Amino acid sequence: MSVWPAWEVREGDRATRWLHVRLAFGDGARIDALATVSEGWVCVEDVRAQPALALEDLAVFADWIEGPLARACEAGAG
């Protein structure tokens, strides 16, 4: 799994970060997403998967990316 910054918007002491997320699987399947992180909240704004994800997979997608997003935000905070 890869997570890298897309952009950040600051408003006073608040910041909203957009991050690209990519999950690549050994069989060639791939999931690309754009997520925002602000004030402890994560919002997945766009998801593209090949092959398409089932609704059940989307339901657990946040669990898959929670840890890597948290680590990326901690690294970017310094």
PDB file of N, CA and C in Angstrom:
ATOM      1  N   MET A   1       0.843  -1.158   0.000  1.00  0.00           N
ATOM      2  CA  MET A   1       0.000   0.000   0.000  1.00  0.00           C
ATOM      3  C   MET A   1       0.893   1.226   0.000  1.00  0.00           C
ATOM      4  N   SER A   2       0.516   2.210  -0.814  1.00  0.00           N
ATOM      5  CA  SER A   2       1.242   3.475  -0.885  1.00  0.00           C
ATOM      6  C   SER A   2       0.290   4.607  -0.537  1.00  0.00           C
ATOM      7  N   VAL A   3       0.799   5.571   0.224  1.00  0.00           N
ATOM      8  CA  VAL A   3       0.048   6.785   0.554  1.00  0.00           C
ATOM      9  C   VAL A   3       0.981   7.954   0.316  1.00  0.00           C
ATOM     10  N   TRP A   4       0.518   8.965  -0.435  1.00  0.00           N
ATOM     11  CA  TRP A   4       1.339  10.145  -0.661  1.00  0.00           C
ATOM     12  C   TRP A   4       0.442  11.371  -0.723  1.00  0.00           C
ATOM     13  N   PRO A   5       0.991  12.533  -0.351  1.00  0.00           N
ATOM     14  CA  PRO A   5       0.179  13.753  -0.303  1.00  0.00           C
ATOM     15  C   PRO A   5      -0.242  14.227  -1.686  1.00  0.00           C
ATOM     16  N   ALA A   6      -1.466  14.715  -1.764  1.00  0.00           N
ATOM     17  CA  ALA A   6      -1.966  15.354  -2.984  1.00  0.00           C
ATOM     18  C   ALA A   6      -1.841  16.866  -2.810  1.00  0.00           C
ATOM     19  N   TRP A   7      -2.494  17.411  -1.788  1.00  0.00           N
ATOM     20  CA  TRP A   7      -2.366  18.826  -1.461  1.00  0.00           C
ATOM     21  C   TRP A   7      -2.905  19.064  -0.068  1.00  0.00           C
ATOM     22  N   GLU A   8      -2.675  20.279   0.442  1.00  0.00           N
ATOM     23  CA  GLU A   8      -3.111  20.658   1.787  1.00  0.00           C
ATOM     24  C   GLU A   8      -3.629  22.084   1.744  1.00  0.00           C
ATOM     25  N   VAL A   9      -4.702  22.334   2.476  1.00  0.00           N
ATOM     26  CA  VAL A   9      -5.265  23.678   2.586  1.00  0.00           C
ATOM     27  C   VAL A   9      -5.248  24.055   4.060  1.00  0.00           C
ATOM     28  N   ARG A  10      -4.678  25.218   4.368  1.00  0.00           N
ATOM     29  CA  ARG A  10      -4.636  25.709   5.751  1.00  0.00           C
ATOM     30  C   ARG A  10      -5.581  26.889   5.894  1.00  0.00           C
ATOM     31  N   GLU A  11      -6.280  26.889   7.023  1.00  0.00           N
ATOM     32  CA  GLU A  11      -7.172  27.994   7.366  1.00  0.00           C
ATOM     33  C   GLU A  11      -6.958  28.281   8.842  1.00  0.00           C
ATOM     34  N   GLY A  12      -6.186  29.330   9.131  1.00  0.00           N
ATOM     35  CA  GLY A  12      -5.812  29.592  10.515  1.00  0.00           C
ATOM     36  C   GLY A  12      -4.931  28.465  11.021  1.00  0.00           C
ATOM     37  N   ASP A  13      -5.320  27.886  12.164  1.00  0.00           N
ATOM     38  CA  ASP A  13      -4.537  26.778  12.710  1.00  0.00           C
ATOM     39  C   ASP A  13      -5.065  25.416  12.269  1.00  0.00           C
ATOM     40  N   ARG A  14      -6.058  25.401  11.401  1.00  0.00           N
ATOM     41  CA  ARG A  14      -6.633  24.155  10.882  1.00  0.00           C
ATOM     42  C   ARG A  14      -6.030  23.813   9.524  1.00  0.00           C
ATOM     43  N   ALA A  15      -5.925  22.523   9.272  1.00  0.00           N
ATOM     44  CA  ALA A  15      -5.421  22.067   7.973  1.00  0.00           C
ATOM     45  C   ALA A  15      -6.268  20.894   7.501  1.00  0.00           C
ATOM     46  N   THR A  16      -6.540  20.883   6.220  1.00  0.00           N
ATOM     47  CA  THR A  16      -7.191  19.740   5.587  1.00  0.00           C
ATOM     48  C   THR A  16      -6.214  19.179   4.575  1.00  0.00           C
ATOM     49  N   ARG A  17      -5.956  17.879   4.689  1.00  0.00           N
ATOM     50  CA  ARG A  17      -5.004  17.217   3.787  1.00  0.00           C
ATOM     51  C   ARG A  17      -5.746  16.267   2.868  1.00  0.00           C
ATOM     52  N   TRP A  18      -5.355  16.276   1.623  1.00  0.00           N
ATOM     53  CA  TRP A  18      -5.835  15.295   0.649  1.00  0.00           C
ATOM     54  C   TRP A  18      -4.677  14.340   0.385  1.00  0.00           C
ATOM     55  N   LEU A  19      -4.967  13.063   0.390  1.00  0.00           N
ATOM     56  CA  LEU A  19      -3.935  12.050   0.204  1.00  0.00           C
ATOM     57  C   LEU A  19      -4.370  11.045  -0.850  1.00  0.00           C
ATOM     58  N   HIS A  20      -3.416  10.658  -1.692  1.00  0.00           N
ATOM     59  CA  HIS A  20      -3.638   9.569  -2.639  1.00  0.00           C
ATOM     60  C   HIS A  20      -3.330   8.262  -1.912  1.00  0.00           C
ATOM     61  N   VAL A  21      -4.131   7.255  -2.171  1.00  0.00           N
ATOM     62  CA  VAL A  21      -3.918   5.926  -1.595  1.00  0.00           C
ATOM     63  C   VAL A  21      -3.957   4.915  -2.735  1.00  0.00           C
ATOM     64  N   ARG A  22      -3.001   4.014  -2.751  1.00  0.00           N
ATOM     65  CA  ARG A  22      -2.999   2.956  -3.770  1.00  0.00           C
ATOM     66  C   ARG A  22      -2.735   1.612  -3.090  1.00  0.00           C
ATOM     67  N   LEU A  23      -3.625   0.685  -3.346  1.00  0.00           N
ATOM     68  CA  LEU A  23      -3.448  -0.701  -2.924  1.00  0.00           C
ATOM     69  C   LEU A  23      -3.249  -1.513  -4.186  1.00  0.00           C
ATOM     70  N   ALA A  24      -2.145  -2.227  -4.268  1.00  0.00           N
ATOM     71  CA  ALA A  24      -1.867  -3.077  -5.427  1.00  0.00           C
ATOM     72  C   ALA A  24      -1.761  -4.516  -4.938  1.00  0.00           C
ATOM     73  N   PHE A  25      -2.430  -5.406  -5.626  1.00  0.00           N
ATOM     74  CA  PHE A  25      -2.476  -6.811  -5.239  1.00  0.00           C
ATOM     75  C   PHE A  25      -1.658  -7.647  -6.216  1.00  0.00           C
ATOM     76  N   GLY A  26      -1.196  -8.789  -5.763  1.00  0.00           N
ATOM     77  CA  GLY A  26      -0.342  -9.660  -6.559  1.00  0.00           C
ATOM     78  C   GLY A  26      -0.968 -10.150  -7.851  1.00  0.00           C
ATOM     79  N   ASP A  27      -2.292 -10.200  -7.901  1.00  0.00           N
ATOM     80  CA  ASP A  27      -2.965 -10.690  -9.109  1.00  0.00           C
ATOM     81  C   ASP A  27      -3.216  -9.592 -10.140  1.00  0.00           C
ATOM     82  N   GLY A  28      -2.683  -8.389  -9.876  1.00  0.00           N
ATOM     83  CA  GLY A  28      -2.852  -7.280 -10.808  1.00  0.00           C
ATOM     84  C   GLY A  28      -4.003  -6.355 -10.471  1.00  0.00           C
ATOM     85  N   ALA A  29      -4.841  -6.734  -9.518  1.00  0.00           N
ATOM     86  CA  ALA A  29      -5.935  -5.854  -9.094  1.00  0.00           C
ATOM     87  C   ALA A  29      -5.348  -4.621  -8.414  1.00  0.00           C
ATOM     88  N   ARG A  30      -6.079  -3.511  -8.510  1.00  0.00           N
ATOM     89  CA  ARG A  30      -5.579  -2.258  -7.952  1.00  0.00           C
ATOM     90  C   ARG A  30      -6.740  -1.403  -7.481  1.00  0.00           C
ATOM     91  N   ILE A  31      -6.523  -0.692  -6.367  1.00  0.00           N
ATOM     92  CA  ILE A  31      -7.493   0.279  -5.868  1.00  0.00           C
ATOM     93  C   ILE A  31      -6.762   1.600  -5.694  1.00  0.00           C
ATOM     94  N   ASP A  32      -7.282   2.650  -6.310  1.00  0.00           N
ATOM     95  CA  ASP A  32      -6.762   4.005  -6.139  1.00  0.00           C
ATOM     96  C   ASP A  32      -7.847   4.835  -5.476  1.00  0.00           C
ATOM     97  N   ALA A  33      -7.456   5.650  -4.498  1.00  0.00           N
ATOM     98  CA  ALA A  33      -8.435   6.468  -3.790  1.00  0.00           C
ATOM     99  C   ALA A  33      -7.848   7.837  -3.486  1.00  0.00           C
ATOM    100  N   LEU A  34      -8.741   8.788  -3.277  1.00  0.00           N
ATOM    101  CA  LEU A  34      -8.385  10.118  -2.796  1.00  0.00           C
ATOM    102  C   LEU A  34      -9.146  10.315  -1.495  1.00  0.00           C
ATOM    103  N   ALA A  35      -8.410  10.580  -0.418  1.00  0.00           N
ATOM    104  CA  ALA A  35      -9.029  10.743   0.896  1.00  0.00           C
ATOM    105  C   ALA A  35      -8.632  12.088   1.481  1.00  0.00           C
ATOM    106  N   THR A  36      -9.539  12.684   2.260  1.00  0.00           N
ATOM    107  CA  THR A  36      -9.228  13.907   2.990  1.00  0.00           C
ATOM    108  C   THR A  36      -9.142  13.575   4.465  1.00  0.00           C
ATOM    109  N   VAL A  37      -8.253  14.285   5.156  1.00  0.00           N
ATOM    110  CA  VAL A  37      -8.097  14.131   6.594  1.00  0.00           C
ATOM    111  C   VAL A  37      -8.143  15.521   7.198  1.00  0.00           C
ATOM    112  N   SER A  38      -9.066  15.728   8.143  1.00  0.00           N
ATOM    113  CA  SER A  38      -9.208  17.027   8.792  1.00  0.00           C
ATOM    114  C   SER A  38      -9.804  16.833  10.172  1.00  0.00           C
ATOM    115  N   GLU A  39      -9.156  17.410  11.174  1.00  0.00           N
ATOM    116  CA  GLU A  39      -9.643  17.387  12.552  1.00  0.00           C
ATOM    117  C   GLU A  39     -10.000  15.981  13.018  1.00  0.00           C
ATOM    118  N   GLY A  40      -9.172  15.007  12.649  1.00  0.00           N
ATOM    119  CA  GLY A  40      -9.392  13.644  13.086  1.00  0.00           C
ATOM    120  C   GLY A  40     -10.398  12.849  12.276  1.00  0.00           C
ATOM    121  N   TRP A  41     -10.964  13.435  11.259  1.00  0.00           N
ATOM    122  CA  TRP A  41     -11.945  12.758  10.413  1.00  0.00           C
ATOM    123  C   TRP A  41     -11.315  12.390   9.083  1.00  0.00           C
ATOM    124  N   VAL A  42     -11.727  11.263   8.547  1.00  0.00           N
ATOM    125  CA  VAL A  42     -11.285  10.831   7.226  1.00  0.00           C
ATOM    126  C   VAL A  42     -12.501  10.732   6.330  1.00  0.00           C
ATOM    127  N   CYS A  43     -12.386  11.280   5.131  1.00  0.00           N
ATOM    128  CA  CYS A  43     -13.454  11.199   4.140  1.00  0.00           C
ATOM    129  C   CYS A  43     -12.843  10.661   2.851  1.00  0.00           C
ATOM    130  N   VAL A  44     -13.388   9.568   2.357  1.00  0.00           N
ATOM    131  CA  VAL A  44     -12.934   9.023   1.083  1.00  0.00           C
ATOM    132  C   VAL A  44     -13.743   9.704  -0.006  1.00  0.00           C
ATOM    133  N   GLU A  45     -13.063  10.475  -0.845  1.00  0.00           N
ATOM    134  CA  GLU A  45     -13.752  11.276  -1.852  1.00  0.00           C
ATOM    135  C   GLU A  45     -13.894  10.573  -3.191  1.00  0.00           C
ATOM    136  N   ASP A  46     -12.956   9.700  -3.510  1.00  0.00           N
ATOM    137  CA  ASP A  46     -12.998   9.031  -4.812  1.00  0.00           C
ATOM    138  C   ASP A  46     -12.326   7.676  -4.675  1.00  0.00           C
ATOM    139  N   VAL A  47     -12.922   6.659  -5.258  1.00  0.00           N
ATOM    140  CA  VAL A  47     -12.338   5.319  -5.276  1.00  0.00           C
ATOM    141  C   VAL A  47     -12.476   4.767  -6.683  1.00  0.00           C
ATOM    142  N   ARG A  48     -11.371   4.256  -7.202  1.00  0.00           N
ATOM    143  CA  ARG A  48     -11.375   3.576  -8.503  1.00  0.00           C
ATOM    144  C   ARG A  48     -10.695   2.232  -8.304  1.00  0.00           C
ATOM    145  N   ALA A  49     -11.368   1.192  -8.730  1.00  0.00           N
ATOM    146  CA  ALA A  49     -10.825  -0.150  -8.532  1.00  0.00           C
ATOM    147  C   ALA A  49     -10.921  -0.944  -9.819  1.00  0.00           C
ATOM    148  N   GLN A  50      -9.910  -1.781 -10.018  1.00  0.00           N
ATOM    149  CA  GLN A  50      -9.921  -2.663 -11.173  1.00  0.00           C
ATOM    150  C   GLN A  50      -9.466  -4.033 -10.721  1.00  0.00           C
ATOM    151  N   PRO A  51     -10.305  -5.032 -10.749  1.00  0.00           N
ATOM    152  CA  PRO A  51     -11.722  -5.003 -11.125  1.00  0.00           C
ATOM    153  C   PRO A  51     -12.548  -4.267 -10.068  1.00  0.00           C
ATOM    154  N   ALA A  52     -13.780  -3.989 -10.400  1.00  0.00           N
ATOM    155  CA  ALA A  52     -14.664  -3.231  -9.512  1.00  0.00           C
ATOM    156  C   ALA A  52     -14.810  -3.926  -8.156  1.00  0.00           C
ATOM    157  N   LEU A  53     -14.982  -3.105  -7.113  1.00  0.00           N
ATOM    158  CA  LEU A  53     -15.195  -3.636  -5.772  1.00  0.00           C
ATOM    159  C   LEU A  53     -16.666  -3.954  -5.546  1.00  0.00           C
ATOM    160  N   ALA A  54     -16.915  -4.975  -4.762  1.00  0.00           N
ATOM    161  CA  ALA A  54     -18.271  -5.260  -4.301  1.00  0.00           C
ATOM    162  C   ALA A  54     -18.595  -4.306  -3.154  1.00  0.00           C
ATOM    163  N   LEU A  55     -19.858  -4.100  -2.879  1.00  0.00           N
ATOM    164  CA  LEU A  55     -20.257  -3.216  -1.782  1.00  0.00           C
ATOM    165  C   LEU A  55     -19.656  -3.663  -0.454  1.00  0.00           C
ATOM    166  N   GLU A  56     -19.547  -4.960  -0.243  1.00  0.00           N
ATOM    167  CA  GLU A  56     -18.953  -5.465   0.997  1.00  0.00           C
ATOM    168  C   GLU A  56     -17.495  -5.018   1.121  1.00  0.00           C
ATOM    169  N   ASP A  57     -16.784  -4.988  -0.005  1.00  0.00           N
ATOM    170  CA  ASP A  57     -15.387  -4.551   0.011  1.00  0.00           C
ATOM    171  C   ASP A  57     -15.276  -3.067   0.317  1.00  0.00           C
ATOM    172  N   LEU A  58     -16.188  -2.272  -0.216  1.00  0.00           N
ATOM    173  CA  LEU A  58     -16.184  -0.842   0.099  1.00  0.00           C
ATOM    174  C   LEU A  58     -16.438  -0.607   1.580  1.00  0.00           C
ATOM    175  N   ALA A  59     -17.256  -1.458   2.179  1.00  0.00           N
ATOM    176  CA  ALA A  59     -17.584  -1.302   3.593  1.00  0.00           C
ATOM    177  C   ALA A  59     -16.354  -1.477   4.485  1.00  0.00           C
ATOM    178  N   VAL A  60     -15.368  -2.282   4.061  1.00  0.00           N
ATOM    179  CA  VAL A  60     -14.168  -2.489   4.871  1.00  0.00           C
ATOM    180  C   VAL A  60     -12.973  -1.686   4.354  1.00  0.00           C
ATOM    181  N   PHE A  61     -13.156  -0.931   3.300  1.00  0.00           N
ATOM    182  CA  PHE A  61     -12.056  -0.163   2.706  1.00  0.00           C
ATOM    183  C   PHE A  61     -11.421   0.784   3.723  1.00  0.00           C
ATOM    184  N   ALA A  62     -12.234   1.454   4.529  1.00  0.00           N
ATOM    185  CA  ALA A  62     -11.696   2.379   5.534  1.00  0.00           C
ATOM    186  C   ALA A  62     -10.782   1.654   6.516  1.00  0.00           C
ATOM    187  N   ASP A  63     -11.123   0.428   6.881  1.00  0.00           N
ATOM    188  CA  ASP A  63     -10.260  -0.345   7.774  1.00  0.00           C
ATOM    189  C   ASP A  63      -8.909  -0.630   7.124  1.00  0.00           C
ATOM    190  N   TRP A  64      -8.917  -0.885   5.838  1.00  0.00           N
ATOM    191  CA  TRP A  64      -7.677  -1.178   5.126  1.00  0.00           C
ATOM    192  C   TRP A  64      -6.735   0.020   5.116  1.00  0.00           C
ATOM    193  N   ILE A  65      -7.288   1.227   4.998  1.00  0.00           N
ATOM    194  CA  ILE A  65      -6.434   2.406   4.809  1.00  0.00           C
ATOM    195  C   ILE A  65      -6.244   3.227   6.076  1.00  0.00           C
ATOM    196  N   GLU A  66      -6.927   2.903   7.157  1.00  0.00           N
ATOM    197  CA  GLU A  66      -6.873   3.720   8.373  1.00  0.00           C
ATOM    198  C   GLU A  66      -5.453   3.897   8.900  1.00  0.00           C
ATOM    199  N   GLY A  67      -4.734   2.810   9.098  1.00  0.00           N
ATOM    200  CA  GLY A  67      -3.382   2.886   9.636  1.00  0.00           C
ATOM    201  C   GLY A  67      -2.414   3.637   8.734  1.00  0.00           C
ATOM    202  N   PRO A  68      -2.340   3.295   7.447  1.00  0.00           N
ATOM    203  CA  PRO A  68      -1.436   4.025   6.562  1.00  0.00           C
ATOM    204  C   PRO A  68      -1.755   5.523   6.460  1.00  0.00           C
ATOM    205  N   LEU A  69      -3.038   5.895   6.484  1.00  0.00           N
ATOM    206  CA  LEU A  69      -3.389   7.321   6.457  1.00  0.00           C
ATOM    207  C   LEU A  69      -2.920   8.010   7.730  1.00  0.00           C
ATOM    208  N   ALA A  70      -3.108   7.377   8.877  1.00  0.00           N
ATOM    209  CA  ALA A  70      -2.665   7.964  10.142  1.00  0.00           C
ATOM    210  C   ALA A  70      -1.157   8.170  10.139  1.00  0.00           C
ATOM    211  N   ARG A  71      -0.414   7.172   9.669  1.00  0.00           N
ATOM    212  CA  ARG A  71       1.048   7.310   9.619  1.00  0.00           C
ATOM    213  C   ARG A  71       1.475   8.413   8.659  1.00  0.00           C
ATOM    214  N   ALA A  72       0.807   8.529   7.520  1.00  0.00           N
ATOM    215  CA  ALA A  72       1.144   9.580   6.551  1.00  0.00           C
ATOM    216  C   ALA A  72       0.877  10.960   7.136  1.00  0.00           C
ATOM    217  N   CYS A  73      -0.199  11.101   7.892  1.00  0.00           N
ATOM    218  CA  CYS A  73      -0.513  12.398   8.499  1.00  0.00           C
ATOM    219  C   CYS A  73       0.482  12.750   9.595  1.00  0.00           C
ATOM    220  N   GLU A  74       0.893  11.759  10.391  1.00  0.00           N
ATOM    221  CA  GLU A  74       1.902  12.002  11.420  1.00  0.00           C
ATOM    222  C   GLU A  74       3.218  12.430  10.788  1.00  0.00           C
ATOM    223  N   ALA A  75       3.605  11.793   9.705  1.00  0.00           N
ATOM    224  CA  ALA A  75       4.858  12.128   9.024  1.00  0.00           C
ATOM    225  C   ALA A  75       4.786  13.519   8.412  1.00  0.00           C
ATOM    226  N   GLY A  76       3.623  13.918   7.914  1.00  0.00           N
ATOM    227  CA  GLY A  76       3.465  15.224   7.285  1.00  0.00           C
ATOM    228  C   GLY A  76       3.268  16.356   8.262  1.00  0.00           C
ATOM    229  N   ALA A  77       3.030  16.038   9.534  1.00  0.00           N
ATOM    230  CA  ALA A  77       2.763  17.079  10.526  1.00  0.00           C
ATOM    231  C   ALA A  77       4.026  17.782  10.973  1.00  0.00           C
ATOM    232  N   GLY A  78       5.175  17.187  10.747  1.00  0.00           N
ATOM    233  CA  GLY A  78       6.425  17.764  11.231  1.00  0.00           C
ATOM    234  C   GLY A  78       6.956  18.735  10.323  1.00  0.00           C
TER     235      GLY A  78
END
